Amino acid sequence: MAEKYDVVARVVSQKGSCGAGHKVGDKWLIAGKTPAGMCFSAFYAVYPTARVLMFGGTLPWEPDPDVTKIACPDAENPVIIELRRVRK
């Protein structure tokens, strides 16, 4: 069985007016359930990639195997979320 890691999601950029009120610096721990306070659309966008990081996978286009960025699906008010694998 693959080792399981936690993933920290942090807003690193926000332009326009986020309907959920997310702002730079907001942070959530993704560790097996939807984080309180993270809007459903943002969670839906980051979840597939967070699962890759949670189970030790890597993204070949990223220079740091523990970090990637995902954009919220709202193109008019983009929120960029950094995902960082937490090594225990």
Protein backbone atom coordinates (compact mmCIF):
# COMPACT_ATOMS: atom_id res chain seq x y z
CA MET A 1 0.00 0.00 0.00
CA ALA A 2 1.25 3.48 -0.90
CA GLU A 3 2.25 5.84 1.88
CA LYS A 4 -0.36 8.57 2.39
CA TYR A 5 0.54 12.23 2.82
CA ASP A 6 -1.45 15.32 3.75
CA VAL A 7 -1.67 18.18 1.26
CA VAL A 8 -1.86 21.86 2.14
CA ALA A 9 -3.82 24.06 -0.27
CA ARG A 10 -2.97 27.78 -0.14
CA VAL A 11 -4.32 30.67 -2.23
CA VAL A 12 -1.31 32.34 -3.87
CA SER A 13 -3.15 34.65 -6.29
CA GLN A 14 -6.67 36.04 -6.59
CA LYS A 15 -7.92 38.53 -9.18
CA GLY A 16 -11.35 40.05 -9.54
CA SER A 17 -14.05 39.19 -7.03
CA CYS A 18 -14.12 35.63 -5.75
CA GLY A 19 -17.75 34.66 -5.05
CA ALA A 20 -16.65 32.54 -2.09
CA GLY A 21 -14.45 35.30 -0.66
CA HIS A 22 -11.18 33.40 -1.01
CA LYS A 23 -8.12 35.62 -0.75
CA VAL A 24 -4.34 35.31 -0.90
CA GLY A 25 -3.08 33.50 2.18
CA ASP A 26 -6.17 31.33 2.78
CA LYS A 27 -5.06 27.80 3.69
CA TRP A 28 -6.70 24.41 4.06
CA LEU A 29 -5.49 20.94 4.96
CA ILE A 30 -6.64 18.26 2.54
CA ALA A 31 -6.46 15.01 4.43
CA GLY A 32 -9.35 12.77 3.50
CA LYS A 33 -12.35 15.10 3.56
CA THR A 34 -13.52 18.39 2.07
CA PRO A 35 -11.86 21.20 4.04
CA ALA A 36 -14.23 23.52 5.91
CA GLY A 37 -14.40 26.93 4.27
CA MET A 38 -13.15 25.88 0.83
CA CYS A 39 -15.78 26.42 -1.83
CA PHE A 40 -17.00 23.40 -3.73
CA SER A 41 -15.73 24.66 -7.11
CA ALA A 42 -12.20 25.18 -5.82
CA PHE A 43 -12.21 21.80 -4.09
CA TYR A 44 -13.50 20.12 -7.23
CA ALA A 45 -10.66 21.72 -9.22
CA VAL A 46 -7.86 20.72 -6.84
CA TYR A 47 -9.08 17.30 -5.70
CA PRO A 48 -7.72 15.13 -8.56
CA THR A 49 -4.25 16.61 -8.29
CA ALA A 50 -4.32 16.59 -4.48
CA ARG A 51 -5.02 12.83 -4.64
CA VAL A 52 -1.91 12.34 -6.78
CA LEU A 53 0.20 14.13 -4.18
CA MET A 54 -1.56 12.40 -1.25
CA PHE A 55 -0.52 8.98 -2.50
CA GLY A 56 3.08 9.79 -3.41
CA GLY A 57 2.62 10.49 -7.11
CA THR A 58 4.42 13.20 -9.03
CA LEU A 59 3.59 15.52 -11.91
CA PRO A 60 6.36 15.23 -14.51
CA TRP A 61 6.09 18.87 -15.62
CA GLU A 62 6.71 20.27 -12.12
CA PRO A 63 10.33 20.91 -11.03
CA ASP A 64 9.41 20.29 -7.35
CA PRO A 65 7.66 16.92 -6.96
CA ASP A 66 5.88 18.14 -3.82
CA VAL A 67 4.33 21.36 -5.21
CA THR A 68 1.95 22.33 -8.00
CA LYS A 69 -0.58 25.09 -8.72
CA ILE A 70 -4.20 24.75 -9.80
CA ALA A 71 -6.56 27.44 -11.09
CA CYS A 72 -10.14 27.81 -9.93
CA PRO A 73 -12.57 27.27 -12.82
CA ASP A 74 -13.91 30.87 -12.64
CA ALA A 75 -12.02 32.44 -15.56
CA GLU A 76 -13.39 35.93 -14.84
CA ASN A 77 -12.18 35.91 -11.21
CA PRO A 78 -9.25 33.49 -11.12
CA VAL A 79 -8.01 32.07 -7.85
CA ILE A 80 -4.69 30.22 -8.02
CA ILE A 81 -4.18 27.56 -5.37
CA GLU A 82 -0.81 26.02 -4.55
CA LEU A 83 -0.88 22.40 -3.44
CA ARG A 84 2.02 21.27 -1.28
CA ARG A 85 2.60 17.70 -0.12
CA VAL A 86 3.36 17.55 3.60
CA ARG A 87 6.00 14.98 4.39
CA LYS A 88 5.55 13.45 7.83
